[in-house]
Structures are given as structure tokens and as C-alpha cells.
Amino acid sequence: MVARRWRGPKGGIAMLAVPDLQGVFPPALTMFNANGDLDEGATARHIDYLISCGVHGLIACGSSGEFIALTEAERLRVIGIVIQAAAGRVPVYAGTGHYSTRLTIELTQAAEALGAAGAIVILPYYQRPTRLGLLGHYHELRRHTQLPIMFYDNPHNAASLAPTSAEIAELATAGVVQSVKSTHESIVPVQDLLALDTVGLRVFYGSFHAPLEALMCGAHGWISGFLNFLTRDCVALYTAAQASDWSAARQVWRRLLPFKQLYTHQIFGPLDDLAIYRAGLELLGQHGGYSRRPFQPLTEPQRVALTALMQKQGYLPH
């Protein structure tokens, strides 16, 4: 636990206790039924499943939790469900980012009241505020919450300005943010952030493209929707990396890599990444549920092909 100074809501200097976050943090799937209605029971059971697989923390209402498809009331309901289901076994960071600074503050304060361990806050999305406005968004949020803040650096999906590593480090040095999810195909931003050696800043790799390489260069953990599926092997990859057992880590990644390529190479034809995870969970005997439209489930031929791949990689019997 690290104590960091920050300027509180009334302008005074306060101390924020920041946990030394590390490990595998799945952005948990939000479960919907075929009509697109929230399935609260299935969402809670999925949290139990992820924890049973050995994850070190959870993200509620991250991108893979489809926060963008939820009303604000639904977002808070899902955050509450995940926190309640986790029951203190692992920390839960709540996805509270919004384009509007005001709504980001309101959602974060509500998540804090629900018992979230922290907030993961995506860049303001769709519109493109100036660099000053973007950084000010996080400074303003810090003045209105005592939660640790994870900076969700995802300029591709947010269509926002890409912050520099130095700017993120400056936010951390000022006590505004305490961790970062670096959602880039390249691991270069992770390397750059680690090279700055900012005291207390926890750097998570936020994609499914190159987790092995990111962990090899020192990332503190891994956050990706991919972690909802084949979760035990994802944890095994992290564990091997922590032990510097790179032979074992490479072996695990070789098993996982073809499933990443299903999406990146569209091997089975057009499909959504969440559809792969949901169908895969069903094949493993878990509940996968549905995504809200416009996401589409796998077609029957795609499910057959996924079954064959899972058999080939040793996840299902022949």
C-alpha cells in the first residue's frame, strides 16, 4: 500500500491509500438474455466463475461489460451486482467514464458509495476535447472522489486525443491517477510508461495482442475482455511470467494465440470478439449469454469451427 498526496475537494492536501495492484483483471461480461434484458443472476454467477479461475481483480462495466450499451442506472446496477458477487474476495474497479466530466463525477461517486475499490475511467469519447480539456477531465474528477483512479488509455475506441506517456506520468505524480490500462496493439506505451519509473504508478497491458511481451517488459498486470474466456490459462500465463518461467509462459500463449487470431484475422468470417467469448464459455459448460445489439452471436458454422479449434488446442475432448 502506497500513500499518495492529492488536492482534495476543498482544496486541502489529503492522503490517498493506494493498493499495489497487479495481476489478471477481467473486464467482466455483463450477461443479457436473448431479448437484450439484463440477466442479474447470470452476471453474478459469471463473477463467481472468474474468481474460481484465480483472477486477481475485476472490472465492472468495462468495454467488455458493454457499458456503452447500458443506461446510467443500469451501469450502477451492474457495478453493484459485481461488487456484491465478489464479496470482498478480489478488488472491483468500476467503469465510470463518460464523455461528460459532470456525469463521470456522478457515476464515480455513486460507485464509491456502492463499495468499489477504484474507478477505471476511459478517455472522453466520441467528441475530441483539447489536450488541456482532456487532462482537466481527470483533475476535476480527482477533486470529487477519494477512489483510486485507473486511467483507461484507449484512444482508438474513444476517438479521443492520445495522451503521451509523459502526460500520464504527470497525472500520476500529481496524485490524480494511480494506475493505467494501456490499450494499444503495441507494447511500446507500456515500455515508455515503465521507463519513466513513476513512483506508485501501476501499468496494466490492456489488449489481447501481446500480453506475453508486455509482461516480459514488466507490466504489472493484464486487463482484456479475452480474460473472460480460457481464464485459467490466462492466469497461468501471468503466473509463469511472474516466476520468469518464460518457457512455460510461451507454451501457454501458444495455446491461447489462435483464439485471439479468430478476431484479429477474422478466420471464421465476420464476428465480434465478445461473441467468441460467450460461445466459448457455453462450450466449456458455463453461461455465455448474449450481447446487446448491434453485436451478433456466432453463426452455427462458426460455433462448429470454434468447437473444433477448442478440441485441437486441448480445451475440449474430441
C-alpha atoms as a PDB file:
ATOM      1  CA  MET A   1       0.000   0.000   0.000  1.00  0.00           C
ATOM      2  CA  VAL A   2       1.373   3.378  -1.028  1.00  0.00           C
ATOM      3  CA  ALA A   3       0.191   6.735   0.339  1.00  0.00           C
ATOM      4  CA  ARG A   4      -0.099   9.453  -2.323  1.00  0.00           C
ATOM      5  CA  ARG A   5      -0.816  13.141  -1.863  1.00  0.00           C
ATOM      6  CA  TRP A   6      -3.625  14.835  -3.775  1.00  0.00           C
ATOM      7  CA  ARG A   7      -5.610  18.040  -3.591  1.00  0.00           C
ATOM      8  CA  GLY A   8      -8.975  17.248  -2.049  1.00  0.00           C
ATOM      9  CA  PRO A   9     -12.471  18.604  -2.790  1.00  0.00           C
ATOM     10  CA  LYS A  10     -11.969  21.692  -0.596  1.00  0.00           C
ATOM     11  CA  GLY A  11      -8.509  22.465  -1.893  1.00  0.00           C
ATOM     12  CA  GLY A  12      -6.581  20.999   1.036  1.00  0.00           C
ATOM     13  CA  ILE A  13      -3.936  18.303   0.726  1.00  0.00           C
ATOM     14  CA  ALA A  14      -5.224  14.818   1.546  1.00  0.00           C
ATOM     15  CA  MET A  15      -3.591  11.395   1.616  1.00  0.00           C
ATOM     16  CA  LEU A  16      -4.909   8.606  -0.604  1.00  0.00           C
ATOM     17  CA  ALA A  17      -4.071   4.993   0.281  1.00  0.00           C
ATOM     18  CA  VAL A  18      -3.331   3.235  -2.999  1.00  0.00           C
ATOM     19  CA  PRO A  19      -3.107  -0.551  -3.289  1.00  0.00           C
ATOM     20  CA  ASP A  20      -0.210  -2.076  -5.196  1.00  0.00           C
ATOM     21  CA  LEU A  21      -2.430  -3.502  -7.918  1.00  0.00           C
ATOM     22  CA  GLN A  22      -1.187  -6.367 -10.016  1.00  0.00           C
ATOM     23  CA  GLY A  23      -2.403  -9.459 -11.807  1.00  0.00           C
ATOM     24  CA  VAL A  24      -5.213 -10.523 -14.100  1.00  0.00           C
ATOM     25  CA  PHE A  25      -8.281  -8.228 -14.036  1.00  0.00           C
ATOM     26  CA  PRO A  26     -11.034  -9.335 -16.440  1.00  0.00           C
ATOM     27  CA  PRO A  27     -13.487  -6.668 -17.572  1.00  0.00           C
ATOM     28  CA  ALA A  28     -16.378  -8.973 -16.708  1.00  0.00           C
ATOM     29  CA  LEU A  29     -19.024  -9.712 -19.297  1.00  0.00           C
ATOM     30  CA  THR A  30     -22.447  -8.323 -18.496  1.00  0.00           C
ATOM     31  CA  MET A  31     -24.968 -11.074 -19.118  1.00  0.00           C
ATOM     32  CA  PHE A  32     -28.085 -10.374 -21.172  1.00  0.00           C
ATOM     33  CA  ASN A  33     -30.825 -12.716 -22.312  1.00  0.00           C
ATOM     34  CA  ALA A  34     -31.881 -13.204 -25.925  1.00  0.00           C
ATOM     35  CA  ASN A  35     -34.192 -10.158 -25.677  1.00  0.00           C
ATOM     36  CA  GLY A  36     -31.351  -7.942 -24.508  1.00  0.00           C
ATOM     37  CA  ASP A  37     -32.589  -7.716 -20.923  1.00  0.00           C
ATOM     38  CA  LEU A  38     -30.066  -7.669 -18.087  1.00  0.00           C
ATOM     39  CA  ASP A  39     -29.624 -11.126 -16.518  1.00  0.00           C
ATOM     40  CA  GLU A  40     -28.553 -10.298 -12.985  1.00  0.00           C
ATOM     41  CA  GLY A  41     -28.251 -13.873 -11.739  1.00  0.00           C
ATOM     42  CA  ALA A  42     -26.095 -14.976 -14.667  1.00  0.00           C
ATOM     43  CA  THR A  43     -23.889 -11.904 -14.258  1.00  0.00           C
ATOM     44  CA  ALA A  44     -23.290 -12.763 -10.598  1.00  0.00           C
ATOM     45  CA  ARG A  45     -22.550 -16.399 -11.441  1.00  0.00           C
ATOM     46  CA  HIS A  46     -20.006 -15.320 -14.035  1.00  0.00           C
ATOM     47  CA  ILE A  47     -18.212 -13.330 -11.331  1.00  0.00           C
ATOM     48  CA  ASP A  48     -18.031 -16.494  -9.207  1.00  0.00           C
ATOM     49  CA  TYR A  49     -16.618 -18.377 -12.187  1.00  0.00           C
ATOM     50  CA  LEU A  50     -13.904 -15.788 -12.835  1.00  0.00           C
ATOM     51  CA  ILE A  51     -12.865 -15.728  -9.187  1.00  0.00           C
ATOM     52  CA  SER A  52     -12.784 -19.540  -9.099  1.00  0.00           C
ATOM     53  CA  CYS A  53     -10.318 -19.382 -12.014  1.00  0.00           C
ATOM     54  CA  GLY A  54      -7.881 -17.384  -9.876  1.00  0.00           C
ATOM     55  CA  VAL A  55      -8.237 -13.815 -11.151  1.00  0.00           C
ATOM     56  CA  HIS A  56      -6.710 -11.100  -9.007  1.00  0.00           C
ATOM     57  CA  GLY A  57      -9.355  -8.434  -9.542  1.00  0.00           C
ATOM     58  CA  LEU A  58     -12.349  -7.474 -11.647  1.00  0.00           C
ATOM     59  CA  ILE A  59     -13.552  -4.609 -13.791  1.00  0.00           C
ATOM     60  CA  ALA A  60     -17.288  -3.899 -13.679  1.00  0.00           C
ATOM     61  CA  CYS A  61     -18.764  -2.124 -16.705  1.00  0.00           C
ATOM     62  CA  GLY A  62     -15.604  -2.099 -18.758  1.00  0.00           C
ATOM     63  CA  SER A  63     -15.738  -2.238 -22.536  1.00  0.00           C
ATOM     64  CA  SER A  64     -16.404  -5.990 -22.496  1.00  0.00           C
ATOM     65  CA  GLY A  65     -19.108  -5.335 -19.919  1.00  0.00           C
ATOM     66  CA  GLU A  66     -20.783  -3.274 -22.670  1.00  0.00           C
ATOM     67  CA  PHE A  67     -21.032  -0.105 -20.599  1.00  0.00           C
ATOM     68  CA  ILE A  68     -21.738   1.802 -23.794  1.00  0.00           C
ATOM     69  CA  ALA A  69     -24.969  -0.214 -24.255  1.00  0.00           C
ATOM     70  CA  LEU A  70     -26.204   0.458 -20.701  1.00  0.00           C
ATOM     71  CA  THR A  71     -28.207   3.327 -19.269  1.00  0.00           C
ATOM     72  CA  GLU A  72     -26.560   5.135 -16.383  1.00  0.00           C
ATOM     73  CA  ALA A  73     -28.937   3.413 -13.951  1.00  0.00           C
ATOM     74  CA  GLU A  74     -28.070   0.038 -15.463  1.00  0.00           C
ATOM     75  CA  ARG A  75     -24.364   0.759 -15.175  1.00  0.00           C
ATOM     76  CA  LEU A  76     -24.706   1.383 -11.478  1.00  0.00           C
ATOM     77  CA  ARG A  77     -26.885  -1.699 -11.091  1.00  0.00           C
ATOM     78  CA  VAL A  78     -24.249  -3.882 -12.786  1.00  0.00           C
ATOM     79  CA  ILE A  79     -21.470  -2.328 -10.686  1.00  0.00           C
ATOM     80  CA  GLY A  80     -23.472  -3.154  -7.569  1.00  0.00           C
ATOM     81  CA  ILE A  81     -24.061  -6.744  -8.733  1.00  0.00           C
ATOM     82  CA  VAL A  82     -20.362  -7.314  -9.408  1.00  0.00           C
ATOM     83  CA  ILE A  83     -19.289  -5.818  -6.070  1.00  0.00           C
ATOM     84  CA  GLN A  84     -21.873  -7.881  -4.207  1.00  0.00           C
ATOM     85  CA  ALA A  85     -20.940 -11.086  -6.044  1.00  0.00           C
ATOM     86  CA  ALA A  86     -17.220 -10.539  -5.473  1.00  0.00           C
ATOM     87  CA  ALA A  87     -17.958 -10.128  -1.761  1.00  0.00           C
ATOM     88  CA  GLY A  88     -14.530  -8.729  -0.986  1.00  0.00           C
ATOM     89  CA  ARG A  89     -12.637 -11.689  -2.416  1.00  0.00           C
ATOM     90  CA  VAL A  90     -10.939  -9.525  -5.049  1.00  0.00           C
ATOM     91  CA  PRO A  91     -10.949  -5.762  -5.674  1.00  0.00           C
ATOM     92  CA  VAL A  92     -13.557  -4.426  -8.098  1.00  0.00           C
ATOM     93  CA  TYR A  93     -12.777  -1.381 -10.218  1.00  0.00           C
ATOM     94  CA  ALA A  94     -15.880   0.275 -11.653  1.00  0.00           C
ATOM     95  CA  GLY A  95     -16.036   1.628 -15.181  1.00  0.00           C
ATOM     96  CA  THR A  96     -17.370   5.134 -14.565  1.00  0.00           C
ATOM     97  CA  GLY A  97     -16.030   7.067 -17.527  1.00  0.00           C
ATOM     98  CA  HIS A  98     -18.344   9.210 -19.617  1.00  0.00           C
ATOM     99  CA  TYR A  99     -17.770  11.902 -22.220  1.00  0.00           C
ATOM    100  CA  SER A 100     -19.178  14.431 -19.763  1.00  0.00           C
ATOM    101  CA  THR A 101     -16.954  15.325 -16.821  1.00  0.00           C
ATOM    102  CA  ARG A 102     -20.038  16.026 -14.721  1.00  0.00           C
ATOM    103  CA  LEU A 103     -21.549  12.594 -15.415  1.00  0.00           C
ATOM    104  CA  THR A 104     -18.189  10.908 -14.859  1.00  0.00           C
ATOM    105  CA  ILE A 105     -18.047  12.503 -11.418  1.00  0.00           C
ATOM    106  CA  GLU A 106     -21.618  11.454 -10.602  1.00  0.00           C
ATOM    107  CA  LEU A 107     -21.054   7.853 -11.713  1.00  0.00           C
ATOM    108  CA  THR A 108     -17.763   7.641  -9.831  1.00  0.00           C
ATOM    109  CA  GLN A 109     -19.258   8.991  -6.621  1.00  0.00           C
ATOM    110  CA  ALA A 110     -22.126   6.506  -6.909  1.00  0.00           C
ATOM    111  CA  ALA A 111     -19.671   3.627  -7.485  1.00  0.00           C
ATOM    112  CA  GLU A 112     -17.689   4.783  -4.462  1.00  0.00           C
ATOM    113  CA  ALA A 113     -20.867   4.644  -2.364  1.00  0.00           C
ATOM    114  CA  LEU A 114     -21.509   1.094  -3.645  1.00  0.00           C
ATOM    115  CA  GLY A 115     -18.117  -0.038  -2.362  1.00  0.00           C
ATOM    116  CA  ALA A 116     -15.925  -0.057  -5.471  1.00  0.00           C
ATOM    117  CA  ALA A 117     -12.207  -0.382  -4.783  1.00  0.00           C
ATOM    118  CA  GLY A 118     -11.412   2.055  -7.558  1.00  0.00           C
ATOM    119  CA  ALA A 119     -12.631   3.606 -10.793  1.00  0.00           C
ATOM    120  CA  ILE A 120     -11.392   2.907 -14.300  1.00  0.00           C
ATOM    121  CA  VAL A 121     -12.088   5.991 -16.385  1.00  0.00           C
ATOM    122  CA  ILE A 122     -11.922   5.924 -20.162  1.00  0.00           C
ATOM    123  CA  LEU A 123     -10.884   8.939 -22.196  1.00  0.00           C
ATOM    124  CA  PRO A 124     -13.795  11.258 -23.022  1.00  0.00           C
ATOM    125  CA  TYR A 125     -15.297   9.599 -26.072  1.00  0.00           C
ATOM    126  CA  TYR A 126     -16.808  10.493 -29.456  1.00  0.00           C
ATOM    127  CA  GLN A 127     -16.089  14.230 -29.209  1.00  0.00           C
ATOM    128  CA  ARG A 128     -12.473  15.354 -29.066  1.00  0.00           C
ATOM    129  CA  PRO A 129     -11.710  17.819 -26.288  1.00  0.00           C
ATOM    130  CA  THR A 130      -8.434  19.720 -26.434  1.00  0.00           C
ATOM    131  CA  ARG A 131      -5.434  18.280 -24.649  1.00  0.00           C
ATOM    132  CA  LEU A 132      -5.999  20.767 -21.835  1.00  0.00           C
ATOM    133  CA  GLY A 133      -9.645  19.690 -21.592  1.00  0.00           C
ATOM    134  CA  LEU A 134      -8.759  16.003 -21.622  1.00  0.00           C
ATOM    135  CA  LEU A 135      -6.240  16.274 -18.791  1.00  0.00           C
ATOM    136  CA  GLY A 136      -8.523  18.663 -16.905  1.00  0.00           C
ATOM    137  CA  HIS A 137     -11.252  15.992 -17.040  1.00  0.00           C
ATOM    138  CA  TYR A 138      -9.160  13.787 -14.735  1.00  0.00           C
ATOM    139  CA  HIS A 139      -8.001  16.610 -12.484  1.00  0.00           C
ATOM    140  CA  GLU A 140     -11.629  17.622 -11.921  1.00  0.00           C
ATOM    141  CA  LEU A 141     -12.649  14.040 -11.161  1.00  0.00           C
ATOM    142  CA  ARG A 142      -9.855  13.722  -8.590  1.00  0.00           C
ATOM    143  CA  ARG A 143     -11.251  16.708  -6.709  1.00  0.00           C
ATOM    144  CA  HIS A 144     -14.569  14.888  -6.273  1.00  0.00           C
ATOM    145  CA  THR A 145     -13.655  11.338  -5.280  1.00  0.00           C
ATOM    146  CA  GLN A 146     -11.315   9.543  -2.920  1.00  0.00           C
ATOM    147  CA  LEU A 147     -11.239   6.383  -5.043  1.00  0.00           C
ATOM    148  CA  PRO A 148      -8.004   5.371  -6.758  1.00  0.00           C
ATOM    149  CA  ILE A 149      -8.361   6.158 -10.459  1.00  0.00           C
ATOM    150  CA  MET A 150      -7.155   3.941 -13.293  1.00  0.00           C
ATOM    151  CA  PHE A 151      -6.520   5.937 -16.469  1.00  0.00           C
ATOM    152  CA  TYR A 152      -8.124   3.971 -19.329  1.00  0.00           C
ATOM    153  CA  ASP A 153      -5.895   4.879 -22.259  1.00  0.00           C
ATOM    154  CA  ASN A 154      -7.893   3.696 -25.275  1.00  0.00           C
ATOM    155  CA  PRO A 155      -7.751   6.432 -27.914  1.00  0.00           C
ATOM    156  CA  HIS A 156      -8.727   4.058 -30.743  1.00  0.00           C
ATOM    157  CA  ASN A 157     -12.166   3.250 -29.318  1.00  0.00           C
ATOM    158  CA  ALA A 158     -12.680   6.619 -27.657  1.00  0.00           C
ATOM    159  CA  ALA A 159     -11.736   8.565 -30.812  1.00  0.00           C
ATOM    160  CA  SER A 160     -10.053  10.972 -28.422  1.00  0.00           C
ATOM    161  CA  LEU A 161      -6.624  12.550 -28.425  1.00  0.00           C
ATOM    162  CA  ALA A 162      -3.928  10.069 -27.467  1.00  0.00           C
ATOM    163  CA  PRO A 163      -2.182  11.258 -24.303  1.00  0.00           C
ATOM    164  CA  THR A 164       1.577  10.946 -24.171  1.00  0.00           C
ATOM    165  CA  SER A 165       3.260   8.690 -21.647  1.00  0.00           C
ATOM    166  CA  ALA A 166       4.771  11.783 -20.039  1.00  0.00           C
ATOM    167  CA  GLU A 167       1.299  13.316 -19.585  1.00  0.00           C
ATOM    168  CA  ILE A 168       0.002  10.159 -17.919  1.00  0.00           C
ATOM    169  CA  ALA A 169       3.064  10.095 -15.683  1.00  0.00           C
ATOM    170  CA  GLU A 170       2.453  13.735 -14.748  1.00  0.00           C
ATOM    171  CA  LEU A 171      -1.118  12.874 -13.730  1.00  0.00           C
ATOM    172  CA  ALA A 172       0.271  10.070 -11.565  1.00  0.00           C
ATOM    173  CA  THR A 173       2.950  12.273  -9.993  1.00  0.00           C
ATOM    174  CA  ALA A 174       0.248  14.808  -9.114  1.00  0.00           C
ATOM    175  CA  GLY A 175      -1.779  12.046  -7.442  1.00  0.00           C
ATOM    176  CA  VAL A 176      -4.596  12.339  -9.977  1.00  0.00           C
ATOM    177  CA  VAL A 177      -4.345   8.743 -11.251  1.00  0.00           C
ATOM    178  CA  GLN A 178      -2.764   5.716  -9.636  1.00  0.00           C
ATOM    179  CA  SER A 179      -2.780   3.164 -12.443  1.00  0.00           C
ATOM    180  CA  VAL A 180      -3.208   2.948 -16.202  1.00  0.00           C
ATOM    181  CA  LYS A 181      -4.714   0.473 -18.633  1.00  0.00           C
ATOM    182  CA  SER A 182      -2.698   0.807 -21.822  1.00  0.00           C
ATOM    183  CA  THR A 183      -4.995  -0.409 -24.605  1.00  0.00           C
ATOM    184  CA  HIS A 184      -2.736  -0.399 -27.620  1.00  0.00           C
ATOM    185  CA  GLU A 185      -1.761  -3.158 -30.018  1.00  0.00           C
ATOM    186  CA  SER A 186       1.866  -2.211 -29.427  1.00  0.00           C
ATOM    187  CA  ILE A 187       3.591  -2.664 -26.077  1.00  0.00           C
ATOM    188  CA  VAL A 188       5.659   0.484 -26.692  1.00  0.00           C
ATOM    189  CA  PRO A 189       3.392   2.685 -24.491  1.00  0.00           C
ATOM    190  CA  VAL A 190       3.820   0.152 -21.668  1.00  0.00           C
ATOM    191  CA  GLN A 191       7.599   0.259 -22.112  1.00  0.00           C
ATOM    192  CA  ASP A 192       7.594   4.049 -22.173  1.00  0.00           C
ATOM    193  CA  LEU A 193       5.495   4.313 -19.016  1.00  0.00           C
ATOM    194  CA  LEU A 194       7.668   1.814 -17.157  1.00  0.00           C
ATOM    195  CA  ALA A 195      10.844   3.577 -18.292  1.00  0.00           C
ATOM    196  CA  LEU A 196       9.621   6.808 -16.689  1.00  0.00           C
ATOM    197  CA  ASP A 197       9.685   4.926 -13.354  1.00  0.00           C
ATOM    198  CA  THR A 198       6.861   6.994 -11.872  1.00  0.00           C
ATOM    199  CA  VAL A 199       6.550   6.216  -8.175  1.00  0.00           C
ATOM    200  CA  GLY A 200       3.410   4.238  -7.379  1.00  0.00           C
ATOM    201  CA  LEU A 201       2.047   4.054 -10.945  1.00  0.00           C
ATOM    202  CA  ARG A 202       0.763   0.577 -11.812  1.00  0.00           C
ATOM    203  CA  VAL A 203       0.870  -0.168 -15.532  1.00  0.00           C
ATOM    204  CA  PHE A 204      -1.532  -2.748 -16.977  1.00  0.00           C
ATOM    205  CA  TYR A 205      -1.435  -4.025 -20.537  1.00  0.00           C
ATOM    206  CA  GLY A 206      -4.949  -3.591 -21.879  1.00  0.00           C
ATOM    207  CA  SER A 207      -5.185  -5.665 -25.052  1.00  0.00           C
ATOM    208  CA  PHE A 208      -5.122  -9.261 -26.243  1.00  0.00           C
ATOM    209  CA  HIS A 209      -2.480  -8.640 -28.905  1.00  0.00           C
ATOM    210  CA  ALA A 210       0.773  -9.092 -26.980  1.00  0.00           C
ATOM    211  CA  PRO A 211       0.285  -9.874 -23.272  1.00  0.00           C
ATOM    212  CA  LEU A 212       3.336 -12.133 -23.112  1.00  0.00           C
ATOM    213  CA  GLU A 213       5.620  -9.403 -24.424  1.00  0.00           C
ATOM    214  CA  ALA A 214       4.021  -6.789 -22.144  1.00  0.00           C
ATOM    215  CA  LEU A 215       4.532  -8.956 -19.067  1.00  0.00           C
ATOM    216  CA  MET A 216       8.089  -9.705 -20.140  1.00  0.00           C
ATOM    217  CA  CYS A 217       8.874  -5.986 -20.177  1.00  0.00           C
ATOM    218  CA  GLY A 218       7.430  -5.526 -16.687  1.00  0.00           C
ATOM    219  CA  ALA A 219       3.712  -4.729 -16.921  1.00  0.00           C
ATOM    220  CA  HIS A 220       2.086  -5.113 -13.515  1.00  0.00           C
ATOM    221  CA  GLY A 221      -0.911  -6.940 -14.942  1.00  0.00           C
ATOM    222  CA  TRP A 222      -3.250  -7.670 -17.812  1.00  0.00           C
ATOM    223  CA  ILE A 223      -6.756  -6.341 -18.478  1.00  0.00           C
ATOM    224  CA  SER A 224      -8.656  -7.597 -21.531  1.00  0.00           C
ATOM    225  CA  GLY A 225     -12.062  -8.976 -22.463  1.00  0.00           C
ATOM    226  CA  PHE A 226     -10.158 -12.076 -23.566  1.00  0.00           C
ATOM    227  CA  LEU A 227      -9.751 -12.906 -19.864  1.00  0.00           C
ATOM    228  CA  ASN A 228     -13.432 -13.866 -19.613  1.00  0.00           C
ATOM    229  CA  PHE A 229     -12.651 -16.935 -21.718  1.00  0.00           C
ATOM    230  CA  LEU A 230      -9.977 -19.577 -21.052  1.00  0.00           C
ATOM    231  CA  THR A 231      -9.423 -17.663 -17.843  1.00  0.00           C
ATOM    232  CA  ARG A 232      -7.368 -20.301 -16.049  1.00  0.00           C
ATOM    233  CA  ASP A 233      -4.752 -20.320 -18.804  1.00  0.00           C
ATOM    234  CA  CYS A 234      -4.702 -16.518 -18.830  1.00  0.00           C
ATOM    235  CA  VAL A 235      -3.914 -16.614 -15.100  1.00  0.00           C
ATOM    236  CA  ALA A 236      -1.322 -19.335 -15.764  1.00  0.00           C
ATOM    237  CA  LEU A 237       0.380 -17.072 -18.318  1.00  0.00           C
ATOM    238  CA  TYR A 238       0.635 -14.267 -15.774  1.00  0.00           C
ATOM    239  CA  THR A 239       1.847 -16.644 -13.045  1.00  0.00           C
ATOM    240  CA  ALA A 240       4.575 -18.059 -15.284  1.00  0.00           C
ATOM    241  CA  ALA A 241       5.660 -14.540 -16.219  1.00  0.00           C
ATOM    242  CA  GLN A 242       5.852 -13.526 -12.564  1.00  0.00           C
ATOM    243  CA  ALA A 243       8.113 -16.511 -11.952  1.00  0.00           C
ATOM    244  CA  SER A 244      10.221 -15.612 -15.016  1.00  0.00           C
ATOM    245  CA  ASP A 245       9.413 -19.061 -16.375  1.00  0.00           C
ATOM    246  CA  TRP A 246       9.355 -17.883 -19.969  1.00  0.00           C
ATOM    247  CA  SER A 247       9.320 -21.370 -21.439  1.00  0.00           C
ATOM    248  CA  ALA A 248       6.060 -22.125 -19.606  1.00  0.00           C
ATOM    249  CA  ALA A 249       4.661 -18.696 -20.477  1.00  0.00           C
ATOM    250  CA  ARG A 250       5.359 -19.192 -24.178  1.00  0.00           C
ATOM    251  CA  GLN A 251       3.741 -22.611 -24.066  1.00  0.00           C
ATOM    252  CA  VAL A 252       0.545 -21.192 -22.544  1.00  0.00           C
ATOM    253  CA  TRP A 253       0.455 -18.325 -25.057  1.00  0.00           C
ATOM    254  CA  ARG A 254       0.798 -20.762 -27.959  1.00  0.00           C
ATOM    255  CA  ARG A 255      -2.432 -22.417 -26.758  1.00  0.00           C
ATOM    256  CA  LEU A 256      -4.215 -19.090 -26.430  1.00  0.00           C
ATOM    257  CA  LEU A 257      -2.955 -17.296 -29.538  1.00  0.00           C
ATOM    258  CA  PRO A 258      -5.263 -18.968 -32.122  1.00  0.00           C
ATOM    259  CA  PHE A 259      -8.317 -17.679 -30.246  1.00  0.00           C
ATOM    260  CA  LYS A 260      -7.046 -14.121 -30.413  1.00  0.00           C
ATOM    261  CA  GLN A 261      -6.466 -14.570 -34.128  1.00  0.00           C
ATOM    262  CA  LEU A 262     -10.093 -15.610 -34.651  1.00  0.00           C
ATOM    263  CA  TYR A 263     -10.938 -11.950 -34.184  1.00  0.00           C
ATOM    264  CA  THR A 264      -7.824 -10.182 -35.430  1.00  0.00           C
ATOM    265  CA  HIS A 265      -7.677 -12.271 -38.631  1.00  0.00           C
ATOM    266  CA  GLN A 266     -11.457 -12.953 -38.883  1.00  0.00           C
ATOM    267  CA  ILE A 267     -10.565 -16.577 -39.662  1.00  0.00           C
ATOM    268  CA  PHE A 268     -14.173 -17.810 -39.403  1.00  0.00           C
ATOM    269  CA  GLY A 269     -15.581 -14.818 -41.232  1.00  0.00           C
ATOM    270  CA  PRO A 270     -17.035 -11.611 -39.720  1.00  0.00           C
ATOM    271  CA  LEU A 271     -17.540 -11.931 -35.966  1.00  0.00           C
ATOM    272  CA  ASP A 272     -17.417  -9.882 -32.776  1.00  0.00           C
ATOM    273  CA  ASP A 273     -14.846 -10.660 -30.099  1.00  0.00           C
ATOM    274  CA  LEU A 274     -17.473 -10.870 -27.345  1.00  0.00           C
ATOM    275  CA  ALA A 275     -19.357 -13.455 -29.397  1.00  0.00           C
ATOM    276  CA  ILE A 276     -16.262 -15.690 -29.306  1.00  0.00           C
ATOM    277  CA  TYR A 277     -16.009 -15.457 -25.523  1.00  0.00           C
ATOM    278  CA  ARG A 278     -19.717 -16.056 -24.978  1.00  0.00           C
ATOM    279  CA  ALA A 279     -19.861 -19.076 -27.294  1.00  0.00           C
ATOM    280  CA  GLY A 280     -16.629 -20.421 -25.838  1.00  0.00           C
ATOM    281  CA  LEU A 281     -17.978 -20.193 -22.303  1.00  0.00           C
ATOM    282  CA  GLU A 282     -21.056 -22.139 -23.364  1.00  0.00           C
ATOM    283  CA  LEU A 283     -18.856 -24.863 -24.871  1.00  0.00           C
ATOM    284  CA  LEU A 284     -16.968 -25.048 -21.566  1.00  0.00           C
ATOM    285  CA  GLY A 285     -20.245 -25.644 -19.735  1.00  0.00           C
ATOM    286  CA  GLN A 286     -20.537 -22.086 -18.419  1.00  0.00           C
ATOM    287  CA  HIS A 287     -23.166 -19.454 -19.157  1.00  0.00           C
ATOM    288  CA  GLY A 288     -22.217 -17.162 -22.025  1.00  0.00           C
ATOM    289  CA  GLY A 289     -25.421 -15.237 -22.541  1.00  0.00           C
ATOM    290  CA  TYR A 290     -25.944 -12.645 -25.246  1.00  0.00           C
ATOM    291  CA  SER A 291     -24.658  -9.196 -26.104  1.00  0.00           C
ATOM    292  CA  ARG A 292     -26.945  -6.294 -26.823  1.00  0.00           C
ATOM    293  CA  ARG A 293     -27.429  -5.407 -30.475  1.00  0.00           C
ATOM    294  CA  PRO A 294     -25.785  -4.441 -32.722  1.00  0.00           C
ATOM    295  CA  PHE A 295     -23.359  -7.192 -31.583  1.00  0.00           C
ATOM    296  CA  GLN A 296     -24.266 -10.519 -33.136  1.00  0.00           C
ATOM    297  CA  PRO A 297     -23.777 -14.060 -31.778  1.00  0.00           C
ATOM    298  CA  LEU A 298     -21.732 -16.617 -33.698  1.00  0.00           C
ATOM    299  CA  THR A 299     -23.454 -18.407 -36.537  1.00  0.00           C
ATOM    300  CA  GLU A 300     -23.889 -22.161 -36.259  1.00  0.00           C
ATOM    301  CA  PRO A 301     -20.993 -22.873 -38.675  1.00  0.00           C
ATOM    302  CA  GLN A 302     -18.800 -20.545 -36.609  1.00  0.00           C
ATOM    303  CA  ARG A 303     -19.751 -22.398 -33.415  1.00  0.00           C
ATOM    304  CA  VAL A 304     -18.834 -25.695 -35.059  1.00  0.00           C
ATOM    305  CA  ALA A 305     -15.474 -24.266 -36.119  1.00  0.00           C
ATOM    306  CA  LEU A 306     -14.850 -22.861 -32.626  1.00  0.00           C
ATOM    307  CA  THR A 307     -15.608 -26.272 -31.133  1.00  0.00           C
ATOM    308  CA  ALA A 308     -13.057 -27.887 -33.446  1.00  0.00           C
ATOM    309  CA  LEU A 309     -10.412 -25.305 -32.518  1.00  0.00           C
ATOM    310  CA  MET A 310     -11.036 -25.791 -28.795  1.00  0.00           C
ATOM    311  CA  GLN A 311     -10.660 -29.529 -29.295  1.00  0.00           C
ATOM    312  CA  LYS A 312      -7.426 -29.062 -31.241  1.00  0.00           C
ATOM    313  CA  GLN A 313      -5.983 -26.800 -28.521  1.00  0.00           C
ATOM    314  CA  GLY A 314      -6.940 -29.211 -25.764  1.00  0.00           C
ATOM    315  CA  TYR A 315      -9.783 -27.289 -24.154  1.00  0.00           C
ATOM    316  CA  LEU A 316     -12.472 -29.770 -25.169  1.00  0.00           C
ATOM    317  CA  PRO A 317     -12.372 -33.551 -25.626  1.00  0.00           C
ATOM    318  CA  HIS A 318     -12.507 -34.918 -29.151  1.00  0.00           C
END
